[in-house]
Amino acid sequence: MRVLLAGATGVIGRPLVERLHAAGHDVVGLTRRESGARRLRDAGAHGVVADILDREELLRALDGVRADAVVHEGTALTRTPMAHRDLYPTDRLRTRGTANLLHAARQVGAARFVTQSFLYVYGFVDHGTVPLAEDAPLRAAGGGSFDVHVAAMRANEEHVLTAPGLDGVALRYGFFYGSEPGTFGLLDMAAKRRLPAPARGTVLSAVHVEDAAAATVAALEHGRPGQAYNVADDRPVTWTEYLDVVAAAAGAPTPWRLPNAAFALVSPYLGAVMTRASIGLDSTRAKRELGWSPRHADVREGLAAVAEDWRRAAAQRRGPAPGRS
């Protein structure tokens, strides 16, 4: 297939380009900057410069382009969001950006559309400890600005899964980690002993970005039209456990604990996510229908591999030791 990929230079976009090529697909990558287009061309893809929030610019840039499928991986996140304001640009990409890409899909002649969703589409609330399957009810969003974020996730899914004339698929990813700036930033904080953890963190499901990219290729090729798929590793953890694993991977002591109430005061957004919104994902449907399974069964295994890349990157930043050639 020829695939039009939005977010082609992002956290999941970069490994996804490689996996699409390995699976025999041709990639046309959307990026907002010429530097991104050059990186895509260096990776063997076709780079198109356009802002997916500007419909006229997007359609003009794609004039004459043909594609069999569109994959929407566009976000505005370059690190772990620390406040609600960090998510508002991504909310717009999930609403206006998705609507514009659906117009682009029809212009380029695409028959399939795969979109990125997220575990919190189920709601930023306590879902208990039993992992959720895709037929679980979508609960209350969480109140306040959480309502805005969840409404954007749900609008994105609804637009894609019900789009006339397109085979739409949504992927409800777990929390991303991998050899990327967000995870490296957490490892840096842990190494400097600046990484606190809530005393009693709630449950989350995570997924390595390489596993998420593999699931995306599988969904492109085998996903059932109108279907959402959970994409996460096999073992949910609590946020406290997750941050403990980050510290261990960095070779650092266990993070110091903050009472949940104090953690929420330090960062109201992260405090709510890590101490109030409890959610694990059951990925059985993706395994059964897509033939996918995560290479990394849990964050302990996955972060051990990430830490090796982090150490190599840190050594390259430091350069050779003084007096050595």
Protein backbone atom coordinates (compact mmCIF):
# COMPACT_ATOMS: atom_id res chain seq x y z
CA MET A 1 0.00 0.00 0.00
CA ARG A 2 0.94 3.63 -0.36
CA VAL A 3 0.40 5.18 3.07
CA LEU A 4 -0.08 8.85 3.89
CA LEU A 5 1.31 9.23 7.41
CA ALA A 6 0.54 12.27 9.56
CA GLY A 7 2.96 12.78 12.44
CA ALA A 8 5.67 11.00 10.47
CA THR A 9 8.55 12.61 12.39
CA GLY A 10 7.02 12.15 15.85
CA VAL A 11 7.70 9.67 18.64
CA ILE A 12 5.77 6.84 17.03
CA GLY A 13 6.04 8.16 13.47
CA ARG A 14 9.79 7.55 13.20
CA PRO A 15 9.73 3.81 14.03
CA LEU A 16 6.48 3.47 12.09
CA VAL A 17 8.12 4.70 8.88
CA GLU A 18 10.78 2.00 9.26
CA ARG A 19 8.23 -0.73 9.94
CA LEU A 20 5.99 0.29 7.06
CA HIS A 21 8.96 0.10 4.71
CA ALA A 22 9.98 -3.27 6.13
CA ALA A 23 6.45 -4.55 5.46
CA GLY A 24 6.68 -3.44 1.82
CA HIS A 25 4.61 -0.25 2.02
CA ASP A 26 5.45 3.10 0.41
CA VAL A 27 5.24 6.09 2.78
CA VAL A 28 4.27 9.70 2.15
CA GLY A 29 5.03 11.51 5.39
CA LEU A 30 3.39 14.76 6.49
CA THR A 31 5.53 17.18 8.48
CA ARG A 32 5.26 20.88 9.29
CA ARG A 33 8.88 21.75 8.50
CA GLU A 34 11.26 21.32 5.58
CA SER A 35 13.84 19.86 7.99
CA GLY A 36 11.33 17.10 8.77
CA ALA A 37 10.80 16.47 5.07
CA ARG A 38 14.56 16.08 4.63
CA ARG A 39 14.69 13.53 7.46
CA LEU A 40 11.84 11.61 5.84
CA ARG A 41 13.59 11.57 2.50
CA ASP A 42 16.76 10.34 4.20
CA ALA A 43 14.63 7.52 5.69
CA GLY A 44 13.35 6.55 2.24
CA ALA A 45 9.92 8.20 2.52
CA HIS A 46 8.35 11.01 0.51
CA GLY A 47 8.16 14.18 2.61
CA VAL A 48 5.28 16.64 2.26
CA VAL A 49 5.33 19.90 4.22
CA ALA A 50 1.90 20.92 5.50
CA ASP A 51 0.06 21.82 8.71
CA ILE A 52 -2.85 19.42 9.17
CA LEU A 53 -4.71 22.11 11.12
CA ASP A 54 -4.86 24.24 7.94
CA ARG A 55 -7.22 22.41 5.58
CA GLU A 56 -6.56 24.54 2.50
CA GLU A 57 -2.78 24.28 2.92
CA LEU A 58 -3.03 20.52 3.50
CA LEU A 59 -5.14 19.82 0.44
CA ARG A 60 -3.00 22.10 -1.69
CA ALA A 61 0.19 20.32 -0.57
CA LEU A 62 -1.38 16.96 -1.43
CA ASP A 63 -2.61 18.00 -4.87
CA GLY A 64 -1.72 15.15 -7.22
CA VAL A 65 -0.73 12.77 -4.40
CA ARG A 66 -2.37 9.33 -4.37
CA ALA A 67 -2.50 6.95 -1.40
CA ASP A 68 -4.31 3.76 -0.45
CA ALA A 69 -4.51 4.54 3.27
CA VAL A 70 -4.07 7.34 5.81
CA VAL A 71 -2.52 6.85 9.26
CA HIS A 72 -3.03 9.67 11.78
CA GLU A 73 -0.27 9.79 14.40
CA GLY A 74 -0.20 13.56 14.76
CA THR A 75 0.35 14.98 18.25
CA ALA A 76 1.95 18.16 19.56
CA LEU A 77 3.68 16.40 22.47
CA THR A 78 7.47 16.30 22.66
CA ARG A 79 7.64 15.23 26.33
CA THR A 80 5.40 13.97 29.11
CA PRO A 81 2.63 16.58 29.59
CA MET A 82 2.95 18.35 32.92
CA ALA A 83 -0.16 20.54 32.76
CA HIS A 84 -3.49 20.71 30.96
CA ARG A 85 -2.20 23.43 28.64
CA ASP A 86 0.36 20.97 27.27
CA LEU A 87 -2.49 18.86 25.86
CA TYR A 88 -4.62 21.55 24.21
CA PRO A 89 -2.63 21.60 20.91
CA THR A 90 -2.99 17.81 20.66
CA ASP A 91 -6.72 18.15 21.39
CA ARG A 92 -6.98 20.34 18.29
CA LEU A 93 -5.09 17.76 16.23
CA ARG A 94 -7.62 15.15 17.36
CA THR A 95 -10.59 17.28 16.36
CA ARG A 96 -9.88 19.77 13.58
CA GLY A 97 -6.79 17.87 12.45
CA THR A 98 -8.72 14.60 12.12
CA ALA A 99 -11.51 16.32 10.18
CA ASN A 100 -8.97 17.81 7.77
CA LEU A 101 -7.21 14.47 7.29
CA LEU A 102 -10.53 12.82 6.45
CA HIS A 103 -10.94 15.37 3.65
CA ALA A 104 -7.38 14.63 2.58
CA ALA A 105 -8.08 10.89 2.60
CA ARG A 106 -10.88 11.35 0.09
CA GLN A 107 -8.76 13.64 -2.07
CA VAL A 108 -5.87 11.15 -2.30
CA GLY A 109 -8.24 8.22 -2.93
CA ALA A 110 -7.60 6.33 0.33
CA ALA A 111 -9.88 3.47 1.33
CA ARG A 112 -8.51 2.93 4.89
CA PHE A 113 -7.89 5.28 7.79
CA VAL A 114 -6.09 4.28 11.00
CA THR A 115 -6.06 6.80 13.84
CA GLN A 116 -4.20 7.13 17.12
CA SER A 117 -6.36 7.07 20.23
CA PHE A 118 -5.33 6.67 23.87
CA LEU A 119 -6.22 4.69 26.97
CA TYR A 120 -7.87 7.70 28.61
CA VAL A 121 -10.61 7.67 25.97
CA TYR A 122 -12.34 5.50 28.62
CA GLY A 123 -12.25 8.49 30.99
CA PHE A 124 -9.79 9.99 33.50
CA VAL A 125 -11.49 8.20 36.39
CA ASP A 126 -10.94 5.12 38.55
CA HIS A 127 -11.83 2.05 36.48
CA GLY A 128 -10.63 -0.41 39.11
CA THR A 129 -7.92 -3.03 38.74
CA VAL A 130 -9.46 -5.33 36.08
CA PRO A 131 -8.10 -4.45 32.60
CA LEU A 132 -10.72 -3.05 30.23
CA ALA A 133 -11.66 -4.61 26.91
CA GLU A 134 -12.88 -2.46 24.02
CA ASP A 135 -16.56 -3.07 24.77
CA ALA A 136 -16.23 -1.50 28.23
CA PRO A 137 -18.46 1.57 28.58
CA LEU A 138 -16.87 4.98 28.14
CA ARG A 139 -17.13 6.47 31.61
CA ALA A 140 -17.37 10.09 32.79
CA ALA A 141 -14.48 12.10 31.38
CA GLY A 142 -13.10 13.31 34.70
CA GLY A 143 -14.33 16.87 35.05
CA GLY A 144 -12.79 20.25 34.28
CA SER A 145 -10.15 20.29 31.57
CA PHE A 146 -10.14 16.50 31.49
CA ASP A 147 -13.53 16.77 29.79
CA VAL A 148 -11.88 18.71 26.96
CA HIS A 149 -9.14 16.11 26.43
CA VAL A 150 -11.51 13.13 26.54
CA ALA A 151 -14.02 14.83 24.25
CA ALA A 152 -11.23 15.31 21.70
CA MET A 153 -10.20 11.63 21.90
CA ARG A 154 -13.78 10.47 21.50
CA ALA A 155 -14.51 12.87 18.65
CA ASN A 156 -11.41 11.62 16.85
CA GLU A 157 -12.57 8.00 17.13
CA GLU A 158 -16.16 8.75 16.17
CA HIS A 159 -15.19 10.74 13.07
CA VAL A 160 -12.89 7.98 11.82
CA LEU A 161 -14.95 4.91 12.73
CA THR A 162 -18.12 6.32 11.14
CA ALA A 163 -16.60 8.08 8.12
CA PRO A 164 -18.61 7.22 4.97
CA GLY A 165 -16.64 5.40 2.31
CA LEU A 166 -13.62 4.71 4.55
CA ASP A 167 -12.58 1.63 6.51
CA GLY A 168 -11.78 3.34 9.81
CA VAL A 169 -9.76 1.77 12.66
CA ALA A 170 -8.81 3.33 16.02
CA LEU A 171 -5.87 2.22 18.17
CA ARG A 172 -6.22 2.89 21.90
CA TYR A 173 -2.56 2.95 22.87
CA GLY A 174 -1.25 2.61 26.38
CA PHE A 175 1.15 5.16 27.84
CA PHE A 176 4.13 5.44 25.46
CA TYR A 177 7.71 4.84 26.51
CA GLY A 178 10.83 4.03 24.56
CA SER A 179 14.08 5.47 23.21
CA GLU A 180 12.58 8.93 22.85
CA PRO A 181 12.89 12.32 24.58
CA GLY A 182 10.05 11.84 27.10
CA THR A 183 11.42 8.60 28.53
CA PHE A 184 15.00 9.84 28.39
CA GLY A 185 13.86 12.91 30.36
CA LEU A 186 12.42 10.71 33.12
CA LEU A 187 15.63 8.67 33.22
CA ASP A 188 17.63 11.91 33.51
CA MET A 189 15.45 13.06 36.41
CA ALA A 190 15.83 9.71 38.15
CA ALA A 191 19.60 9.74 37.73
CA LYS A 192 19.71 13.21 39.31
CA ARG A 193 17.39 12.04 42.12
CA ARG A 194 14.76 14.58 41.08
CA LEU A 195 11.99 12.08 40.32
CA PRO A 196 9.29 11.89 43.01
CA ALA A 197 6.56 9.23 43.02
CA PRO A 198 3.11 9.21 44.55
CA ALA A 199 2.82 7.06 47.66
CA ARG A 200 -0.10 5.12 46.18
CA GLY A 201 -0.17 5.53 42.42
CA THR A 202 -3.11 4.31 40.37
CA VAL A 203 -2.99 1.66 37.61
CA LEU A 204 -1.89 2.32 34.04
CA SER A 205 -1.08 0.27 30.96
CA ALA A 206 2.03 1.13 28.97
CA VAL A 207 3.42 0.16 25.57
CA HIS A 208 6.87 0.49 24.05
CA VAL A 209 6.79 2.75 20.98
CA GLU A 210 8.28 -0.01 18.81
CA ASP A 211 5.46 -2.35 19.89
CA ALA A 212 2.92 0.39 19.19
CA ALA A 213 4.39 0.87 15.71
CA ALA A 214 4.19 -2.88 15.04
CA ALA A 215 0.52 -2.89 16.12
CA THR A 216 -0.17 0.03 13.79
CA VAL A 217 1.17 -1.83 10.76
CA ALA A 218 -0.90 -4.86 11.78
CA ALA A 219 -4.03 -2.70 12.10
CA LEU A 220 -3.39 -1.13 8.71
CA GLU A 221 -3.19 -4.55 7.10
CA HIS A 222 -5.73 -6.53 9.12
CA GLY A 223 -7.87 -4.18 11.23
CA ARG A 224 -11.62 -4.68 11.05
CA PRO A 225 -13.44 -1.58 9.71
CA GLY A 226 -15.27 0.37 12.40
CA GLN A 227 -13.27 -1.30 15.18
CA ALA A 228 -11.18 0.04 18.06
CA TYR A 229 -8.25 -1.97 19.43
CA ASN A 230 -6.45 -1.67 22.75
CA VAL A 231 -2.67 -1.73 22.31
CA ALA A 232 -0.68 -2.27 25.51
CA ASP A 233 1.82 -4.62 27.08
CA ASP A 234 0.72 -7.65 29.06
CA ARG A 235 1.05 -6.43 32.65
CA PRO A 236 -0.46 -3.17 33.92
CA VAL A 237 1.46 -1.48 36.75
CA THR A 238 0.82 1.34 39.17
CA TRP A 239 2.39 4.73 38.56
CA THR A 240 4.48 4.21 41.70
CA GLU A 241 5.78 0.91 40.31
CA TYR A 242 6.41 2.50 36.91
CA LEU A 243 8.55 5.29 38.38
CA ASP A 244 10.39 2.76 40.54
CA VAL A 245 11.26 0.81 37.38
CA VAL A 246 12.44 4.03 35.67
CA ALA A 247 14.76 4.72 38.61
CA ALA A 248 16.08 1.15 38.63
CA ALA A 249 16.75 1.33 34.88
CA ALA A 250 18.72 4.54 35.45
CA GLY A 251 20.74 2.89 38.24
CA ALA A 252 19.25 5.33 40.74
CA PRO A 253 17.70 4.85 44.20
CA THR A 254 13.97 4.33 44.60
CA PRO A 255 12.21 7.68 44.08
CA TRP A 256 11.21 9.53 47.20
CA ARG A 257 7.53 9.24 48.02
CA LEU A 258 5.06 12.09 48.25
CA PRO A 259 1.64 11.65 49.86
CA ASN A 260 -0.99 11.59 47.14
CA ALA A 261 -2.49 14.91 48.26
CA ALA A 262 0.93 16.60 48.18
CA PHE A 263 1.72 15.09 44.78
CA ALA A 264 -1.50 16.58 43.41
CA LEU A 265 -0.51 20.01 44.77
CA VAL A 266 2.91 19.86 43.06
CA SER A 267 1.29 19.09 39.69
CA PRO A 268 -2.53 19.18 39.57
CA TYR A 269 -2.63 17.50 36.14
CA LEU A 270 -0.11 14.72 36.86
CA GLY A 271 -1.46 14.36 40.37
CA ALA A 272 -4.91 13.57 39.01
CA VAL A 273 -3.54 11.20 36.37
CA MET A 274 -1.27 9.32 38.77
CA THR A 275 -3.48 9.21 41.86
CA ARG A 276 -7.05 9.32 40.58
CA ALA A 277 -7.29 7.89 37.04
CA SER A 278 -6.81 4.12 37.32
CA ILE A 279 -7.01 2.16 34.06
CA GLY A 280 -5.50 -1.00 32.60
CA LEU A 281 -6.02 -2.26 29.05
CA ASP A 282 -6.82 -5.76 27.82
CA SER A 283 -5.23 -6.22 24.37
CA THR A 284 -6.72 -9.66 23.65
CA ARG A 285 -8.65 -8.41 20.61
CA ALA A 286 -5.52 -6.97 18.98
CA LYS A 287 -3.68 -10.23 19.55
CA ARG A 288 -6.54 -12.30 18.14
CA GLU A 289 -7.58 -10.18 15.15
CA LEU A 290 -4.35 -8.42 14.21
CA GLY A 291 -1.90 -11.21 14.95
CA TRP A 292 0.07 -8.77 17.12
CA SER A 293 1.67 -9.22 20.51
CA PRO A 294 4.10 -6.94 22.35
CA ARG A 295 7.77 -7.80 22.16
CA HIS A 296 8.19 -6.27 25.63
CA ALA A 297 5.80 -7.97 28.05
CA ASP A 298 6.06 -5.25 30.67
CA VAL A 299 7.83 -1.99 31.51
CA ARG A 300 10.54 -3.67 33.55
CA GLU A 301 11.72 -5.62 30.52
CA GLY A 302 11.15 -2.76 28.07
CA LEU A 303 12.83 -0.05 30.13
CA ALA A 304 15.93 -2.18 30.64
CA ALA A 305 16.45 -2.06 26.86
CA VAL A 306 15.63 1.66 26.70
CA ALA A 307 18.18 2.41 29.42
CA GLU A 308 20.97 1.02 27.25
CA ASP A 309 20.06 3.48 24.49
CA TRP A 310 19.81 6.28 27.07
CA ARG A 311 23.31 5.55 28.37
CA ARG A 312 24.75 5.53 24.85
CA ALA A 313 23.05 8.83 24.07
CA ALA A 314 24.35 10.35 27.31
CA ALA A 315 27.90 9.18 26.51
CA GLN A 316 27.67 10.75 23.04
CA ARG A 317 26.54 14.05 24.57
CA ARG A 318 29.50 14.03 26.95
CA GLY A 319 32.00 13.20 24.20
CA PRO A 320 35.44 11.68 24.79
CA ALA A 321 36.99 12.07 28.21
CA PRO A 322 39.64 14.85 28.54
CA GLY A 323 43.08 13.70 27.36
CA ARG A 324 41.67 10.94 25.17
CA SER A 325 41.56 10.89 21.40
